[in-house]
Amino acid sequence: MKQEQVKEHFAKQADEYEELMVKLVPQYLEQNQIIYSLLPNEDKNYRVLDLGCGNGILSKCVISL
């Protein structure tokens, strides 16, 4: 597979990721909400490592705190 084909493949997969996860993982959206609710709101001086294994929705939530 050429580099451009790989890039196109993963771009397409990224667009479909959340829809697929909602179908495959029971209560996927609820799990994300629970994880988000467990993050401390009072101390915004924490570090987060995003391993790039998903669509980044939790990282977006952390940034919005």
N, C-alpha and C. Protein backbone atom coordinates (compact mmCIF):
# COMPACT_ATOMS: atom_id res chain seq x y z
N MET A 1 0.84 -1.17 0.00
CA MET A 1 0.00 0.00 0.00
C MET A 1 0.89 1.24 0.00
N LYS A 2 0.58 2.16 -0.85
CA LYS A 2 1.37 3.39 -0.93
C LYS A 2 0.96 4.35 0.17
N GLN A 3 1.86 5.29 0.44
CA GLN A 3 1.65 6.23 1.55
C GLN A 3 0.33 6.98 1.40
N GLU A 4 0.00 7.42 0.22
CA GLU A 4 -1.24 8.17 0.01
C GLU A 4 -2.46 7.29 0.26
N GLN A 5 -2.38 6.03 -0.12
CA GLN A 5 -3.49 5.10 0.13
C GLN A 5 -3.68 4.88 1.63
N VAL A 6 -2.59 4.77 2.35
CA VAL A 6 -2.66 4.59 3.81
C VAL A 6 -3.30 5.82 4.44
N LYS A 7 -2.87 6.99 4.00
CA LYS A 7 -3.42 8.25 4.52
C LYS A 7 -4.93 8.33 4.26
N GLU A 8 -5.36 7.99 3.07
CA GLU A 8 -6.78 8.03 2.72
C GLU A 8 -7.57 7.01 3.55
N HIS A 9 -6.99 5.83 3.72
CA HIS A 9 -7.67 4.79 4.50
C HIS A 9 -7.94 5.25 5.93
N PHE A 10 -6.92 5.79 6.59
CA PHE A 10 -7.09 6.20 7.97
C PHE A 10 -7.95 7.45 8.10
N ALA A 11 -7.94 8.31 7.12
CA ALA A 11 -8.83 9.48 7.13
C ALA A 11 -10.28 9.02 7.08
N LYS A 12 -10.55 8.03 6.25
CA LYS A 12 -11.91 7.49 6.14
C LYS A 12 -12.30 6.80 7.45
N GLN A 13 -11.40 6.02 8.01
CA GLN A 13 -11.69 5.32 9.26
C GLN A 13 -11.96 6.31 10.39
N ALA A 14 -11.24 7.40 10.43
CA ALA A 14 -11.44 8.41 11.47
C ALA A 14 -12.86 8.97 11.40
N ASP A 15 -13.35 9.18 10.20
CA ASP A 15 -14.70 9.71 10.03
C ASP A 15 -15.76 8.73 10.54
N GLU A 16 -15.49 7.44 10.43
CA GLU A 16 -16.47 6.42 10.80
C GLU A 16 -16.25 5.84 12.20
N TYR A 17 -15.20 6.27 12.89
CA TYR A 17 -14.80 5.65 14.15
C TYR A 17 -15.89 5.69 15.22
N GLU A 18 -16.42 6.86 15.50
CA GLU A 18 -17.38 6.97 16.60
C GLU A 18 -18.64 6.17 16.30
N GLU A 19 -19.11 6.22 15.08
CA GLU A 19 -20.29 5.44 14.70
C GLU A 19 -20.05 3.95 14.92
N LEU A 20 -18.88 3.48 14.55
CA LEU A 20 -18.53 2.07 14.73
C LEU A 20 -18.44 1.72 16.22
N MET A 21 -17.81 2.58 17.00
CA MET A 21 -17.65 2.32 18.43
C MET A 21 -19.01 2.26 19.14
N VAL A 22 -19.92 3.13 18.75
CA VAL A 22 -21.26 3.12 19.34
C VAL A 22 -21.94 1.78 19.06
N LYS A 23 -21.70 1.22 17.89
CA LYS A 23 -22.30 -0.07 17.55
C LYS A 23 -21.62 -1.24 18.26
N LEU A 24 -20.31 -1.18 18.41
CA LEU A 24 -19.55 -2.32 18.92
C LEU A 24 -19.38 -2.35 20.44
N VAL A 25 -19.28 -1.19 21.06
CA VAL A 25 -18.99 -1.12 22.50
C VAL A 25 -20.27 -0.73 23.24
N PRO A 26 -20.75 -1.64 24.09
CA PRO A 26 -21.97 -1.31 24.84
C PRO A 26 -21.77 -0.04 25.67
N GLN A 27 -22.70 0.86 25.57
CA GLN A 27 -22.71 2.11 26.34
C GLN A 27 -21.44 2.94 26.13
N TYR A 28 -20.94 2.98 24.93
CA TYR A 28 -19.72 3.72 24.60
C TYR A 28 -19.82 5.20 24.98
N LEU A 29 -20.89 5.85 24.60
CA LEU A 29 -21.04 7.28 24.89
C LEU A 29 -21.18 7.52 26.39
N GLU A 30 -21.90 6.64 27.06
CA GLU A 30 -22.05 6.75 28.51
C GLU A 30 -20.71 6.58 29.21
N GLN A 31 -19.88 5.66 28.72
CA GLN A 31 -18.55 5.46 29.29
C GLN A 31 -17.72 6.74 29.19
N ASN A 32 -17.78 7.38 28.04
CA ASN A 32 -17.04 8.63 27.86
C ASN A 32 -17.52 9.70 28.84
N GLN A 33 -18.83 9.78 29.04
CA GLN A 33 -19.37 10.76 29.98
C GLN A 33 -18.92 10.47 31.41
N ILE A 34 -18.86 9.20 31.78
CA ILE A 34 -18.42 8.84 33.13
C ILE A 34 -16.95 9.20 33.32
N ILE A 35 -16.13 8.86 32.34
CA ILE A 35 -14.70 9.20 32.43
C ILE A 35 -14.53 10.71 32.56
N TYR A 36 -15.25 11.46 31.75
CA TYR A 36 -15.18 12.92 31.81
C TYR A 36 -15.60 13.44 33.18
N SER A 37 -16.64 12.84 33.75
CA SER A 37 -17.13 13.30 35.06
C SER A 37 -16.13 13.03 36.18
N LEU A 38 -15.22 12.09 35.98
CA LEU A 38 -14.23 11.75 37.00
C LEU A 38 -13.01 12.67 36.99
N LEU A 39 -12.89 13.48 35.96
CA LEU A 39 -11.75 14.39 35.88
C LEU A 39 -11.92 15.52 36.89
N PRO A 40 -10.84 15.87 37.57
CA PRO A 40 -10.94 16.94 38.57
C PRO A 40 -11.16 18.30 37.90
N ASN A 41 -12.13 19.04 38.38
CA ASN A 41 -12.41 20.36 37.83
C ASN A 41 -11.66 21.47 38.56
N GLU A 42 -11.34 21.23 39.82
CA GLU A 42 -10.76 22.31 40.63
C GLU A 42 -9.29 22.57 40.32
N ASP A 43 -8.56 21.56 39.91
CA ASP A 43 -7.12 21.72 39.63
C ASP A 43 -6.88 21.50 38.15
N LYS A 44 -6.70 22.57 37.43
CA LYS A 44 -6.50 22.45 35.99
C LYS A 44 -5.04 22.27 35.62
N ASN A 45 -4.20 22.04 36.60
CA ASN A 45 -2.78 21.89 36.35
C ASN A 45 -2.40 20.41 36.33
N TYR A 46 -2.95 19.66 35.36
CA TYR A 46 -2.62 18.26 35.23
C TYR A 46 -2.18 17.97 33.81
N ARG A 47 -1.53 16.84 33.65
CA ARG A 47 -0.99 16.47 32.35
C ARG A 47 -1.78 15.28 31.81
N VAL A 48 -1.98 15.26 30.50
CA VAL A 48 -2.74 14.20 29.86
C VAL A 48 -1.94 13.67 28.69
N LEU A 49 -1.91 12.36 28.57
CA LEU A 49 -1.25 11.72 27.44
C LEU A 49 -2.32 11.11 26.56
N ASP A 50 -2.43 11.58 25.33
CA ASP A 50 -3.36 11.02 24.35
C ASP A 50 -2.54 10.14 23.43
N LEU A 51 -2.81 8.85 23.45
CA LEU A 51 -2.04 7.89 22.66
C LEU A 51 -2.50 7.80 21.21
N GLY A 52 -3.52 8.55 20.86
CA GLY A 52 -3.98 8.53 19.48
C GLY A 52 -4.72 7.26 19.12
N CYS A 53 -5.40 6.69 20.08
CA CYS A 53 -6.14 5.44 19.85
C CYS A 53 -7.64 5.73 19.86
N GLY A 54 -8.07 6.54 18.97
CA GLY A 54 -9.49 6.89 18.93
C GLY A 54 -9.69 8.21 18.21
N ASN A 55 -10.81 8.83 18.49
CA ASN A 55 -11.15 10.06 17.78
C ASN A 55 -10.82 11.32 18.56
N GLY A 56 -10.25 11.18 19.75
CA GLY A 56 -9.83 12.34 20.53
C GLY A 56 -10.93 13.02 21.31
N ILE A 57 -12.09 12.37 21.43
CA ILE A 57 -13.22 13.01 22.11
C ILE A 57 -12.91 13.31 23.57
N LEU A 58 -12.21 12.40 24.25
CA LEU A 58 -11.88 12.66 25.65
C LEU A 58 -10.86 13.78 25.78
N SER A 59 -9.92 13.85 24.84
CA SER A 59 -8.95 14.95 24.87
C SER A 59 -9.64 16.29 24.68
N LYS A 60 -10.63 16.32 23.80
CA LYS A 60 -11.39 17.55 23.60
C LYS A 60 -12.12 17.95 24.88
N CYS A 61 -12.64 16.97 25.59
CA CYS A 61 -13.32 17.25 26.86
C CYS A 61 -12.36 17.82 27.88
N VAL A 62 -11.17 17.25 27.96
CA VAL A 62 -10.17 17.73 28.92
C VAL A 62 -9.77 19.16 28.60
N ILE A 63 -9.58 19.46 27.35
CA ILE A 63 -9.19 20.81 26.93
C ILE A 63 -10.27 21.81 27.31
N SER A 64 -11.53 21.40 27.27
CA SER A 64 -12.63 22.32 27.55
C SER A 64 -12.80 22.62 29.03
N LEU A 65 -12.12 21.88 29.91
CA LEU A 65 -12.27 22.11 31.36
C LEU A 65 -11.75 23.47 31.77
